[in-house]
N, C-alpha and C. Protein backbone atom coordinates (compact mmCIF):
# COMPACT_ATOMS: atom_id res chain seq x y z
N ALA A 1 84.02 101.04 118.00
CA ALA A 1 85.41 101.21 118.39
C ALA A 1 85.64 100.87 119.84
N GLY A 2 84.54 100.55 120.57
CA GLY A 2 84.68 100.27 121.98
C GLY A 2 84.84 98.80 122.29
N SER A 3 84.91 97.92 121.27
CA SER A 3 85.04 96.50 121.51
C SER A 3 86.39 96.19 122.09
N PRO A 4 86.51 95.14 122.90
CA PRO A 4 87.80 94.76 123.46
C PRO A 4 88.79 94.45 122.37
N ARG A 5 90.06 94.72 122.61
CA ARG A 5 91.09 94.50 121.60
C ARG A 5 91.13 93.06 121.13
N SER A 6 90.88 92.12 122.04
CA SER A 6 90.97 90.72 121.69
C SER A 6 89.92 90.31 120.68
N SER A 7 88.80 91.09 120.59
CA SER A 7 87.74 90.73 119.66
C SER A 7 87.95 91.32 118.28
N ARG A 8 88.95 92.14 118.12
CA ARG A 8 89.18 92.76 116.83
C ARG A 8 89.81 91.77 115.87
N PRO A 9 89.35 91.75 114.63
CA PRO A 9 89.94 90.82 113.66
C PRO A 9 91.35 91.24 113.31
N ARG A 10 92.22 90.27 113.05
CA ARG A 10 93.56 90.57 112.59
C ARG A 10 93.49 91.03 111.15
N LEU A 11 94.58 91.65 110.68
CA LEU A 11 94.59 92.19 109.33
C LEU A 11 94.27 91.12 108.30
N SER A 12 94.71 89.89 108.57
CA SER A 12 94.48 88.81 107.61
C SER A 12 93.01 88.49 107.43
N SER A 13 92.14 88.93 108.37
CA SER A 13 90.72 88.61 108.28
C SER A 13 89.91 89.67 107.56
N PHE A 14 90.52 90.81 107.23
CA PHE A 14 89.76 91.86 106.57
C PHE A 14 89.50 91.49 105.12
N SER A 15 88.26 91.75 104.67
CA SER A 15 87.87 91.48 103.29
C SER A 15 87.86 92.80 102.53
N LEU A 16 88.79 92.99 101.62
CA LEU A 16 88.94 94.28 100.94
C LEU A 16 88.47 94.25 99.46
N PRO A 17 87.61 95.21 99.57
CA PRO A 17 87.16 95.27 98.19
C PRO A 17 88.35 95.47 97.16
N THR A 18 98.25 102.72 80.04
CA THR A 18 99.63 102.36 79.53
C THR A 18 100.52 103.54 79.80
N LEU A 19 101.56 103.18 80.71
CA LEU A 19 102.44 104.26 81.15
C LEU A 19 103.73 104.30 80.35
N THR A 20 104.21 105.51 80.07
CA THR A 20 105.52 105.68 79.46
C THR A 20 106.38 106.48 80.42
N HIS A 21 107.69 106.40 80.24
CA HIS A 21 108.58 107.07 81.18
C HIS A 21 109.91 107.33 80.52
N PRO A 22 110.67 108.27 81.02
CA PRO A 22 112.04 108.46 80.51
C PRO A 22 112.87 107.24 80.87
N LEU A 23 113.77 106.84 79.98
CA LEU A 23 114.63 105.71 80.30
C LEU A 23 115.51 106.01 81.50
N ALA A 24 115.86 107.27 81.69
CA ALA A 24 116.63 107.68 82.86
C ALA A 24 115.79 108.65 83.67
N PRO A 25 115.12 108.18 84.73
CA PRO A 25 114.27 109.07 85.54
C PRO A 25 115.09 110.23 86.09
N GLN A 26 114.45 111.38 86.19
CA GLN A 26 115.11 112.58 86.67
C GLN A 26 114.91 112.73 88.18
N LEU A 27 115.98 113.05 88.90
CA LEU A 27 115.85 113.38 90.31
C LEU A 27 115.03 114.65 90.44
N VAL A 28 114.15 114.70 91.43
CA VAL A 28 113.25 115.83 91.56
C VAL A 28 113.30 116.39 92.96
N ASP A 29 112.94 117.65 93.08
CA ASP A 29 112.81 118.29 94.38
C ASP A 29 111.37 118.23 94.87
N ALA A 30 110.43 118.31 93.93
CA ALA A 30 109.04 118.36 94.37
C ALA A 30 108.09 117.67 93.41
N SER A 31 108.38 117.65 92.09
CA SER A 31 107.46 117.09 91.10
C SER A 31 106.07 117.68 91.27
N MET A 32 106.00 118.99 91.35
CA MET A 32 104.76 119.68 91.67
C MET A 32 103.79 119.74 90.50
N GLU A 33 102.52 119.49 90.79
CA GLU A 33 101.45 119.76 89.84
C GLU A 33 101.26 121.27 89.76
N ASN A 34 101.23 121.90 90.91
CA ASN A 34 101.15 123.35 91.05
C ASN A 34 101.79 123.66 92.40
N ASN A 35 101.56 124.83 92.92
CA ASN A 35 102.19 125.18 94.19
C ASN A 35 101.55 124.50 95.40
N ARG A 36 100.43 123.84 95.19
CA ARG A 36 99.68 123.27 96.33
C ARG A 36 99.62 121.76 96.34
N THR A 37 99.74 121.11 95.18
CA THR A 37 99.61 119.66 95.12
C THR A 37 100.69 119.05 94.25
N PHE A 38 100.87 117.73 94.41
CA PHE A 38 101.77 116.99 93.53
C PHE A 38 101.21 115.59 93.33
N LEU A 39 101.66 114.92 92.27
CA LEU A 39 101.22 113.57 91.95
C LEU A 39 102.30 112.57 92.36
N TYR A 40 101.85 111.46 92.91
CA TYR A 40 102.76 110.44 93.44
C TYR A 40 102.33 109.07 92.92
N PHE A 41 103.26 108.34 92.30
CA PHE A 41 102.99 106.99 91.81
C PHE A 41 103.44 105.99 92.86
N ALA A 42 102.48 105.25 93.42
CA ALA A 42 102.77 104.25 94.46
C ALA A 42 102.71 102.85 93.87
N TYR A 43 103.63 102.00 94.30
CA TYR A 43 103.67 100.63 93.81
C TYR A 43 103.86 99.61 94.93
N GLY A 44 104.11 100.07 96.15
CA GLY A 44 104.35 99.17 97.28
C GLY A 44 103.24 99.25 98.31
N SER A 45 103.59 99.38 99.58
CA SER A 45 102.57 99.39 100.63
C SER A 45 101.64 100.59 100.52
N ASN A 46 102.09 101.67 99.88
CA ASN A 46 101.23 102.85 99.73
C ASN A 46 100.16 102.68 98.66
N LEU A 47 100.06 101.50 98.08
CA LEU A 47 98.88 101.18 97.27
C LEU A 47 97.63 101.22 98.14
N LEU A 48 97.77 100.82 99.39
CA LEU A 48 96.63 100.76 100.31
C LEU A 48 96.38 102.15 100.88
N LYS A 49 95.19 102.65 100.64
CA LYS A 49 94.85 104.02 101.04
C LYS A 49 95.05 104.25 102.53
N GLU A 50 94.60 103.30 103.34
CA GLU A 50 94.71 103.46 104.79
C GLU A 50 96.17 103.50 105.24
N ARG A 51 97.03 102.78 104.55
CA ARG A 51 98.47 102.81 104.87
C ARG A 51 99.05 104.19 104.53
N LEU A 52 98.80 104.67 103.32
CA LEU A 52 99.35 105.96 102.90
C LEU A 52 98.86 107.09 103.79
N ARG A 53 97.60 107.02 104.19
CA ARG A 53 97.01 108.10 104.97
C ARG A 53 97.39 108.08 106.45
N LEU A 54 98.10 107.07 106.90
CA LEU A 54 98.57 107.08 108.28
C LEU A 54 99.42 108.32 108.54
N LYS A 55 100.23 108.70 107.57
CA LYS A 55 101.12 109.86 107.73
C LYS A 55 100.88 110.95 106.69
N ASN A 56 100.05 110.65 105.69
CA ASN A 56 99.83 111.60 104.59
C ASN A 56 98.33 111.75 104.35
N PRO A 57 97.64 112.46 105.23
CA PRO A 57 96.17 112.48 105.22
C PRO A 57 95.53 113.16 104.02
N SER A 58 96.30 113.92 103.24
CA SER A 58 95.70 114.63 102.10
C SER A 58 95.55 113.75 100.87
N ALA A 59 96.10 112.53 100.89
CA ALA A 59 96.15 111.69 99.69
C ALA A 59 94.76 111.33 99.17
N THR A 60 94.54 111.57 97.88
CA THR A 60 93.32 111.14 97.20
C THR A 60 93.71 110.40 95.93
N VAL A 61 92.99 109.33 95.63
CA VAL A 61 93.35 108.52 94.47
C VAL A 61 92.97 109.25 93.18
N LEU A 62 93.85 109.19 92.19
CA LEU A 62 93.58 109.78 90.89
C LEU A 62 93.27 108.71 89.86
N CYS A 63 94.13 107.69 89.76
CA CYS A 63 93.91 106.64 88.76
C CYS A 63 94.87 105.48 89.00
N VAL A 64 94.56 104.36 88.37
CA VAL A 64 95.46 103.21 88.30
C VAL A 64 96.37 103.42 87.10
N ALA A 65 97.62 103.02 87.22
CA ALA A 65 98.57 103.27 86.15
C ALA A 65 99.53 102.10 85.98
N ARG A 66 100.10 102.01 84.78
CA ARG A 66 101.05 100.93 84.46
C ARG A 66 102.38 101.54 84.04
N LEU A 67 103.43 101.09 84.65
CA LEU A 67 104.78 101.57 84.35
C LEU A 67 105.51 100.54 83.51
N LYS A 68 105.77 100.86 82.27
CA LYS A 68 106.42 99.91 81.36
C LYS A 68 107.93 99.92 81.55
N ASP A 69 108.51 98.76 81.25
CA ASP A 69 109.96 98.59 81.26
C ASP A 69 110.61 98.77 82.63
N TYR A 70 109.83 98.50 83.66
CA TYR A 70 110.34 98.42 85.02
C TYR A 70 109.80 97.14 85.64
N LYS A 71 110.46 96.67 86.69
CA LYS A 71 109.94 95.53 87.43
C LYS A 71 109.98 95.83 88.92
N LEU A 72 109.08 95.17 89.64
CA LEU A 72 109.00 95.30 91.10
C LEU A 72 109.96 94.30 91.73
N VAL A 73 110.80 94.79 92.63
CA VAL A 73 111.71 93.91 93.36
C VAL A 73 111.67 94.28 94.84
N PHE A 74 112.24 93.41 95.67
CA PHE A 74 112.25 93.64 97.11
C PHE A 74 113.68 93.54 97.63
N GLY A 75 114.00 94.41 98.56
CA GLY A 75 115.33 94.39 99.13
C GLY A 75 115.47 95.41 100.24
N ASN A 76 116.70 95.63 100.66
CA ASN A 76 116.99 96.60 101.71
C ASN A 76 118.17 97.47 101.31
N HIS A 77 118.13 98.71 101.72
CA HIS A 77 119.21 99.66 101.45
C HIS A 77 120.50 99.18 102.12
N LYS A 78 121.51 98.89 101.31
CA LYS A 78 122.80 98.39 101.79
C LYS A 78 122.67 97.12 102.63
N GLY A 79 121.58 96.39 102.43
CA GLY A 79 121.39 95.13 103.15
C GLY A 79 120.91 95.27 104.57
N LEU A 80 120.54 96.49 104.99
CA LEU A 80 120.07 96.72 106.36
C LEU A 80 118.57 96.43 106.43
N THR A 81 118.20 95.38 107.13
CA THR A 81 116.80 94.96 107.19
C THR A 81 115.91 96.05 107.77
N SER A 82 114.77 96.25 107.13
CA SER A 82 113.82 97.27 107.57
C SER A 82 113.31 96.98 108.98
N ASP A 83 113.48 97.92 109.90
CA ASP A 83 112.93 97.77 111.24
C ASP A 83 111.41 97.81 111.21
N ARG A 84 110.87 98.58 110.28
CA ARG A 84 109.42 98.75 110.21
C ARG A 84 108.73 97.48 109.72
N TRP A 85 109.33 96.79 108.73
CA TRP A 85 108.65 95.66 108.10
C TRP A 85 109.36 94.33 108.29
N HIS A 86 110.52 94.29 108.87
CA HIS A 86 111.26 93.04 109.13
C HIS A 86 111.41 92.18 107.88
N GLY A 87 111.86 92.79 106.82
CA GLY A 87 112.10 92.07 105.57
C GLY A 87 112.41 93.05 104.46
N GLY A 88 112.54 92.53 103.26
CA GLY A 88 112.77 93.38 102.11
C GLY A 88 111.55 94.25 101.83
N VAL A 89 111.80 95.44 101.33
CA VAL A 89 110.71 96.36 100.97
C VAL A 89 110.78 96.65 99.47
N ALA A 90 109.70 97.19 98.94
CA ALA A 90 109.55 97.31 97.50
C ALA A 90 110.39 98.44 96.91
N THR A 91 110.90 98.18 95.73
CA THR A 91 111.48 99.22 94.88
C THR A 91 111.28 98.79 93.44
N ILE A 92 111.64 99.66 92.52
CA ILE A 92 111.52 99.33 91.10
C ILE A 92 112.88 99.50 90.45
N GLU A 93 113.11 98.70 89.41
CA GLU A 93 114.34 98.84 88.65
C GLU A 93 114.04 98.65 87.17
N HIS A 94 114.84 99.31 86.34
CA HIS A 94 114.62 99.26 84.90
C HIS A 94 114.79 97.85 84.39
N SER A 95 113.81 97.39 83.59
CA SER A 95 113.82 96.03 83.08
C SER A 95 112.98 95.99 81.80
N PRO A 96 113.61 96.13 80.63
CA PRO A 96 112.86 96.17 79.37
C PRO A 96 111.91 94.99 79.22
N GLY A 97 110.67 95.29 78.85
CA GLY A 97 109.66 94.26 78.63
C GLY A 97 108.81 93.96 79.84
N ASP A 98 109.25 94.37 81.03
CA ASP A 98 108.45 94.15 82.24
C ASP A 98 107.53 95.35 82.49
N GLU A 99 106.68 95.23 83.51
CA GLU A 99 105.80 96.33 83.86
C GLU A 99 105.45 96.27 85.34
N VAL A 100 105.17 97.43 85.88
CA VAL A 100 104.74 97.57 87.27
C VAL A 100 103.43 98.33 87.28
N TRP A 101 102.43 97.75 87.93
CA TRP A 101 101.15 98.44 88.09
C TRP A 101 101.15 99.18 89.43
N GLY A 102 100.49 100.32 89.44
CA GLY A 102 100.41 101.09 90.67
C GLY A 102 99.27 102.08 90.64
N VAL A 103 99.29 103.00 91.58
CA VAL A 103 98.23 103.99 91.74
C VAL A 103 98.85 105.38 91.75
N VAL A 104 98.22 106.31 91.04
CA VAL A 104 98.62 107.71 91.09
C VAL A 104 97.76 108.42 92.12
N TRP A 105 98.41 109.00 93.12
CA TRP A 105 97.73 109.76 94.17
C TRP A 105 98.02 111.25 93.99
N ARG A 106 97.04 112.06 94.36
CA ARG A 106 97.27 113.51 94.46
C ARG A 106 97.40 113.87 95.94
N LEU A 107 98.47 114.55 96.30
CA LEU A 107 98.71 114.94 97.68
C LEU A 107 98.98 116.44 97.78
N SER A 108 98.68 116.99 98.93
CA SER A 108 99.03 118.37 99.23
C SER A 108 100.54 118.46 99.45
N THR A 109 101.12 119.58 99.05
CA THR A 109 102.56 119.77 99.30
C THR A 109 102.88 119.77 100.79
N SER A 110 101.87 119.96 101.62
CA SER A 110 102.11 119.90 103.07
C SER A 110 102.49 118.49 103.51
N ASP A 111 102.19 117.48 102.69
CA ASP A 111 102.54 116.10 103.01
C ASP A 111 103.85 115.65 102.35
N LEU A 112 104.47 116.53 101.60
CA LEU A 112 105.69 116.14 100.88
C LEU A 112 106.80 115.71 101.83
N GLU A 113 107.00 116.46 102.90
CA GLU A 113 108.06 116.12 103.85
C GLU A 113 107.79 114.79 104.54
N SER A 114 106.53 114.54 104.93
CA SER A 114 106.21 113.29 105.61
C SER A 114 106.36 112.09 104.67
N LEU A 115 106.02 112.29 103.39
CA LEU A 115 106.19 111.21 102.42
C LEU A 115 107.67 110.90 102.22
N ASP A 116 108.49 111.95 102.09
CA ASP A 116 109.93 111.75 101.99
C ASP A 116 110.49 111.04 103.23
N ASN A 117 109.99 111.43 104.40
CA ASN A 117 110.45 110.80 105.63
C ASN A 117 110.06 109.33 105.68
N GLN A 118 108.86 109.01 105.21
CA GLN A 118 108.41 107.62 105.17
C GLN A 118 109.35 106.79 104.31
N GLU A 119 109.85 107.38 103.24
CA GLU A 119 110.75 106.68 102.32
C GLU A 119 112.23 106.84 102.71
N ASN A 120 112.49 107.44 103.87
CA ASN A 120 113.86 107.59 104.39
C ASN A 120 114.80 108.27 103.39
N VAL A 121 114.28 109.32 102.76
CA VAL A 121 115.08 110.05 101.77
C VAL A 121 116.30 110.71 102.41
N THR A 122 116.11 111.34 103.57
CA THR A 122 117.24 112.04 104.21
C THR A 122 118.33 111.08 104.66
N LEU A 123 117.97 109.81 104.88
CA LEU A 123 118.95 108.80 105.27
C LEU A 123 119.62 108.16 104.06
N GLY A 124 119.15 108.52 102.86
CA GLY A 124 119.75 108.00 101.64
C GLY A 124 119.22 106.66 101.18
N ALA A 125 118.18 106.15 101.84
CA ALA A 125 117.65 104.84 101.47
C ALA A 125 116.95 104.87 100.12
N TYR A 126 116.17 105.91 99.87
CA TYR A 126 115.47 106.08 98.60
C TYR A 126 115.77 107.46 98.04
N SER A 127 115.69 107.56 96.72
CA SER A 127 115.77 108.86 96.05
C SER A 127 114.45 109.14 95.35
N PRO A 128 113.93 110.36 95.46
CA PRO A 128 112.74 110.73 94.70
C PRO A 128 113.10 110.92 93.24
N VAL A 129 112.28 110.39 92.36
CA VAL A 129 112.49 110.54 90.92
C VAL A 129 111.18 110.98 90.28
N GLU A 130 111.28 111.52 89.09
CA GLU A 130 110.10 111.94 88.35
C GLU A 130 109.95 111.06 87.12
N LEU A 131 108.77 110.46 86.97
CA LEU A 131 108.46 109.62 85.83
C LEU A 131 107.33 110.26 85.03
N SER A 132 107.47 110.24 83.70
CA SER A 132 106.39 110.67 82.84
C SER A 132 105.52 109.46 82.56
N VAL A 133 104.28 109.45 83.03
CA VAL A 133 103.42 108.27 82.94
C VAL A 133 102.18 108.58 82.12
N LYS A 134 101.62 107.56 81.54
CA LYS A 134 100.42 107.73 80.73
C LYS A 134 99.37 106.72 81.18
N THR A 135 98.17 107.16 81.36
CA THR A 135 97.07 106.28 81.71
C THR A 135 95.80 106.80 81.07
N LYS A 136 95.06 105.90 80.42
CA LYS A 136 93.83 106.27 79.72
C LYS A 136 94.07 107.43 78.75
N GLY A 137 95.21 107.37 78.08
CA GLY A 137 95.51 108.37 77.08
C GLY A 137 96.05 109.67 77.61
N GLN A 138 96.18 109.80 78.94
CA GLN A 138 96.65 111.03 79.55
C GLN A 138 98.08 110.85 80.06
N GLU A 139 98.92 111.82 79.77
CA GLU A 139 100.29 111.76 80.25
C GLU A 139 100.44 112.58 81.52
N LEU A 140 101.04 111.96 82.53
CA LEU A 140 101.18 112.60 83.84
C LEU A 140 102.63 112.56 84.29
N SER A 141 103.05 113.58 84.97
CA SER A 141 104.37 113.60 85.57
C SER A 141 104.21 113.31 87.06
N CYS A 142 104.81 112.21 87.51
CA CYS A 142 104.59 111.74 88.89
C CYS A 142 105.90 111.61 89.65
N ARG A 143 105.82 111.88 90.92
CA ARG A 143 106.92 111.60 91.84
C ARG A 143 106.82 110.14 92.26
N THR A 144 107.96 109.46 92.34
CA THR A 144 108.00 108.15 92.96
C THR A 144 109.38 107.99 93.58
N TYR A 145 109.66 106.82 94.11
CA TYR A 145 110.91 106.63 94.86
C TYR A 145 111.59 105.33 94.43
N ILE A 146 112.91 105.39 94.29
CA ILE A 146 113.70 104.22 93.93
C ILE A 146 114.80 104.03 94.98
N MET A 147 114.93 102.79 95.44
CA MET A 147 115.91 102.49 96.49
C MET A 147 117.34 102.63 95.98
N ASN A 148 118.20 103.14 96.83
CA ASN A 148 119.63 103.21 96.55
C ASN A 148 120.34 102.00 97.14
N SER A 149 121.34 101.50 96.44
CA SER A 149 122.18 100.40 96.96
C SER A 149 121.32 99.24 97.47
N CYS A 150 120.42 98.78 96.61
CA CYS A 150 119.48 97.72 97.01
C CYS A 150 120.16 96.36 97.04
N VAL A 151 120.01 95.67 98.17
CA VAL A 151 120.44 94.28 98.31
C VAL A 151 119.17 93.45 98.41
N TYR A 152 118.96 92.57 97.44
CA TYR A 152 117.70 91.83 97.36
C TYR A 152 117.44 91.00 98.62
N ALA A 153 116.17 91.00 99.04
CA ALA A 153 115.74 90.22 100.20
C ALA A 153 114.23 90.03 100.11
N PRO A 154 113.70 88.88 100.53
CA PRO A 154 112.26 88.66 100.45
C PRO A 154 111.51 89.53 101.47
N PRO A 155 110.28 89.89 101.16
CA PRO A 155 109.47 90.70 102.09
C PRO A 155 108.89 89.84 103.20
N SER A 156 108.46 90.49 104.26
CA SER A 156 107.70 89.78 105.30
C SER A 156 106.30 89.50 104.76
N PRO A 157 105.63 88.46 105.28
CA PRO A 157 104.26 88.18 104.84
C PRO A 157 103.33 89.37 105.07
N GLN A 158 103.53 90.08 106.18
CA GLN A 158 102.66 91.21 106.51
C GLN A 158 102.81 92.33 105.48
N TYR A 159 104.03 92.62 105.10
CA TYR A 159 104.28 93.68 104.12
C TYR A 159 103.65 93.32 102.78
N LEU A 160 103.86 92.08 102.35
CA LEU A 160 103.28 91.65 101.08
C LEU A 160 101.76 91.69 101.13
N GLN A 161 101.19 91.35 102.29
CA GLN A 161 99.74 91.38 102.43
C GLN A 161 99.19 92.79 102.25
N VAL A 162 99.87 93.78 102.81
CA VAL A 162 99.43 95.17 102.65
C VAL A 162 99.44 95.57 101.18
N ILE A 163 100.49 95.16 100.46
CA ILE A 163 100.55 95.46 99.03
C ILE A 163 99.39 94.80 98.30
N MET A 164 99.11 93.54 98.61
CA MET A 164 98.03 92.82 97.93
C MET A 164 96.67 93.43 98.26
N MET A 165 96.48 93.88 99.50
CA MET A 165 95.23 94.54 99.87
C MET A 165 95.05 95.83 99.08
N GLY A 166 96.15 96.59 98.90
CA GLY A 166 96.08 97.80 98.10
C GLY A 166 95.78 97.52 96.64
N ALA A 167 96.34 96.42 96.12
CA ALA A 167 96.06 96.03 94.74
C ALA A 167 94.59 95.67 94.57
N GLN A 168 94.03 94.96 95.55
CA GLN A 168 92.60 94.64 95.54
C GLN A 168 91.76 95.90 95.63
N GLN A 169 92.10 96.74 96.57
CA GLN A 169 91.32 97.95 96.83
C GLN A 169 91.18 98.81 95.59
N ASN A 170 92.24 98.89 94.80
CA ASN A 170 92.25 99.79 93.65
C ASN A 170 91.98 99.09 92.32
N GLY A 171 91.70 97.79 92.37
CA GLY A 171 91.32 97.08 91.17
C GLY A 171 92.44 96.89 90.16
N LEU A 172 93.66 96.64 90.64
CA LEU A 172 94.73 96.33 89.72
C LEU A 172 94.41 95.03 88.99
N PRO A 173 94.93 94.83 87.77
CA PRO A 173 94.58 93.64 86.98
C PRO A 173 94.80 92.35 87.77
N MET A 174 93.89 91.40 87.58
CA MET A 174 93.98 90.15 88.33
C MET A 174 95.28 89.41 88.04
N GLU A 175 95.74 89.48 86.80
CA GLU A 175 97.00 88.81 86.46
C GLU A 175 98.15 89.37 87.30
N TYR A 176 98.13 90.67 87.52
CA TYR A 176 99.17 91.29 88.33
C TYR A 176 98.99 90.93 89.81
N GLN A 177 97.74 90.88 90.27
CA GLN A 177 97.49 90.46 91.64
C GLN A 177 97.97 89.04 91.88
N ASP A 178 97.74 88.16 90.89
CA ASP A 178 98.22 86.78 91.01
C ASP A 178 99.74 86.74 91.10
N LYS A 179 100.39 87.61 90.34
CA LYS A 179 101.85 87.68 90.37
C LYS A 179 102.34 88.11 91.75
N LEU A 180 101.66 89.09 92.34
CA LEU A 180 102.02 89.51 93.70
C LEU A 180 101.84 88.37 94.70
N ARG A 181 100.74 87.66 94.54
CA ARG A 181 100.41 86.58 95.47
C ARG A 181 101.45 85.47 95.43
N SER A 182 102.14 85.32 94.31
CA SER A 182 103.11 84.23 94.15
C SER A 182 104.49 84.57 94.71
N ILE A 183 104.67 85.80 95.18
CA ILE A 183 105.99 86.22 95.69
C ILE A 183 106.31 85.49 97.00
N ARG A 184 107.50 84.96 97.11
CA ARG A 184 107.93 84.27 98.32
C ARG A 184 108.28 85.28 99.41
N THR A 185 107.93 84.95 100.65
CA THR A 185 108.22 85.83 101.78
C THR A 185 109.27 85.20 102.69
N ASN A 186 109.67 85.95 103.70
CA ASN A 186 110.65 85.41 104.66
C ASN A 186 109.99 84.70 105.84
N MET A 187 108.66 84.59 105.82
CA MET A 187 107.89 83.85 106.83
C MET A 187 107.98 84.46 108.23
N TYR A 188 108.30 85.73 108.33
CA TYR A 188 108.38 86.38 109.64
C TYR A 188 107.01 86.38 110.32
N GLU A 189 106.97 86.01 111.61
CA GLU A 189 105.70 85.92 112.33
C GLU A 189 105.66 86.81 113.58
N GLY A 190 106.66 87.61 113.79
CA GLY A 190 106.70 88.44 114.98
C GLY A 190 105.84 89.69 114.86
N PRO A 191 105.79 90.49 115.92
CA PRO A 191 104.95 91.70 115.94
C PRO A 191 105.54 92.81 115.08
N LEU A 192 104.65 93.62 114.53
CA LEU A 192 105.04 94.81 113.76
C LEU A 192 104.14 95.96 114.20
N PRO A 193 104.67 96.98 114.86
CA PRO A 193 103.83 98.09 115.33
C PRO A 193 103.02 98.75 114.23
N VAL A 194 103.60 98.87 113.03
CA VAL A 194 102.86 99.51 111.95
C VAL A 194 101.63 98.69 111.57
N MET A 195 101.71 97.36 111.70
CA MET A 195 100.56 96.52 111.39
C MET A 195 99.48 96.68 112.45
N THR A 196 99.87 96.83 113.70
CA THR A 196 98.90 97.06 114.76
C THR A 196 98.13 98.34 114.51
N GLU A 197 98.85 99.38 114.14
CA GLU A 197 98.21 100.67 113.84
C GLU A 197 97.28 100.56 112.64
N LEU A 198 97.71 99.84 111.63
CA LEU A 198 96.90 99.68 110.43
C LEU A 198 95.67 98.83 110.70
N GLU A 199 95.82 97.78 111.50
CA GLU A 199 94.67 96.95 111.87
C GLU A 199 93.61 97.77 112.58
N GLN A 200 94.02 98.67 113.46
CA GLN A 200 93.07 99.50 114.19
C GLN A 200 92.29 100.41 113.24
N VAL A 201 92.98 100.99 112.26
CA VAL A 201 92.32 101.86 111.28
C VAL A 201 91.33 101.07 110.45
N LEU A 202 91.73 99.89 109.98
CA LEU A 202 90.85 99.08 109.15
C LEU A 202 89.67 98.54 109.96
N TRP A 203 89.91 98.20 111.23
CA TRP A 203 88.82 97.73 112.08
C TRP A 203 87.76 98.81 112.25
N ARG A 204 88.17 100.04 112.52
CA ARG A 204 87.22 101.15 112.66
C ARG A 204 86.48 101.41 111.37
N THR A 205 87.20 101.33 110.25
CA THR A 205 86.59 101.58 108.95
C THR A 205 85.54 100.52 108.63
N GLU A 206 85.88 99.25 108.85
CA GLU A 206 84.94 98.18 108.55
C GLU A 206 83.75 98.21 109.50
N SER A 207 83.97 98.54 110.77
CA SER A 207 82.88 98.63 111.73
C SER A 207 81.90 99.72 111.33
N GLU A 208 82.42 100.86 110.87
CA GLU A 208 81.57 101.96 110.42
C GLU A 208 80.75 101.54 109.21
N TRP A 209 81.38 100.81 108.30
CA TRP A 209 80.68 100.33 107.11
C TRP A 209 79.52 99.41 107.48
N LYS A 210 79.78 98.48 108.39
CA LYS A 210 78.74 97.53 108.78
C LYS A 210 77.58 98.22 109.48
N ARG A 211 77.88 99.21 110.34
CA ARG A 211 76.81 99.95 111.01
C ARG A 211 75.98 100.73 110.00
N THR A 212 76.65 101.36 109.05
CA THR A 212 75.95 102.19 108.07
C THR A 212 75.07 101.35 107.16
N THR A 213 75.56 100.17 106.77
CA THR A 213 74.80 99.33 105.85
C THR A 213 73.88 98.36 106.59
N LYS A 214 73.92 98.41 107.96
CA LYS A 214 73.13 97.48 108.78
C LYS A 214 73.44 96.03 108.41
N HIS A 215 74.67 95.78 108.08
CA HIS A 215 75.10 94.44 107.69
C HIS A 215 76.06 93.92 108.76
N LYS A 216 75.66 92.92 109.50
CA LYS A 216 76.42 92.49 110.68
C LYS A 216 77.39 91.34 110.41
N SER A 217 77.34 90.74 109.24
CA SER A 217 78.26 89.64 108.97
C SER A 217 79.42 90.14 108.14
N ALA A 218 80.39 89.28 107.92
CA ALA A 218 81.56 89.67 107.14
C ALA A 218 81.52 89.04 105.75
N SER A 219 80.30 88.79 105.24
CA SER A 219 80.18 88.05 104.00
C SER A 219 80.28 88.91 102.75
N ARG A 220 80.16 90.21 102.87
CA ARG A 220 80.24 91.05 101.68
C ARG A 220 81.66 91.08 101.13
N THR A 221 81.75 91.38 99.84
CA THR A 221 83.04 91.34 99.19
C THR A 221 83.80 92.64 99.38
N HIS A 222 85.08 92.61 99.04
CA HIS A 222 85.89 93.82 99.13
C HIS A 222 85.35 94.91 98.23
N LYS A 223 84.72 94.54 97.12
CA LYS A 223 84.16 95.57 96.23
C LYS A 223 83.03 96.31 96.92
N ASP A 224 82.15 95.57 97.63
CA ASP A 224 81.08 96.21 98.39
C ASP A 224 81.66 97.22 99.37
N PHE A 225 82.66 96.77 100.12
CA PHE A 225 83.23 97.61 101.17
C PHE A 225 83.90 98.85 100.60
N TYR A 226 84.71 98.68 99.57
CA TYR A 226 85.45 99.83 99.08
C TYR A 226 84.64 100.73 98.16
N LEU A 227 83.59 100.22 97.53
CA LEU A 227 82.67 101.12 96.82
C LEU A 227 81.99 102.04 97.83
N TRP A 228 81.58 101.47 98.97
CA TRP A 228 80.97 102.28 100.03
C TRP A 228 81.98 103.29 100.57
N LYS A 229 83.21 102.82 100.81
CA LYS A 229 84.23 103.69 101.39
C LYS A 229 84.59 104.83 100.44
N ALA A 230 84.63 104.54 99.13
CA ALA A 230 84.96 105.58 98.16
C ALA A 230 83.91 106.69 98.19
N LEU A 231 82.64 106.32 98.38
CA LEU A 231 81.58 107.32 98.46
C LEU A 231 81.74 108.18 99.71
N LYS A 232 82.17 107.57 100.80
CA LYS A 232 82.35 108.31 102.05
C LYS A 232 83.50 109.31 101.94
N LEU A 233 84.54 108.96 101.14
CA LEU A 233 85.74 109.79 101.07
C LEU A 233 85.75 110.67 99.84
């Protein structure tokens, strides 16, 4: 962690290793598993563990899940471009025959407020909803978020990259990863503070992995890295 900032790799250089639902999702206050934890279905940038844990440190992965009859879209609340990501951000909308893959996380209720704040719930940008989801034969009730008054807009390349890294990290189906990769971006090339913060976290994580495995090159695959990381966490 003591290397000069200029020597740190940019985020682009990091090598990262059947659901059912109500047709009308229910607005929820907590979607609690019990009084201490709740389940959260992530489909956007929070697919990436390091991104979610920037503000929600209790998050632990439970499983990969598929949401039927919804599709992933990008846009901004009332057309107001995201200051954080400089482009459209992810949401889901009902679309018979389509599907959205994502990750179910278990979080402490102590992180509920920070997760809502991340999704700008108090500002009205997103509403928390409860979806009944099924994965590997198990039915789960999960909290997720749907944008209000969405005006479609392409995402920034950086935002899409974080989503793709999360899809890789969690082993989402390759066909779905290819679909993500084909999404057009707005080609934004300016600075994003959240990306700087995320790059620092990933740099420390990868440096620790290389020291522990005594592997000094960057030739190992994302599976090697994240299998090791999963054991550490």
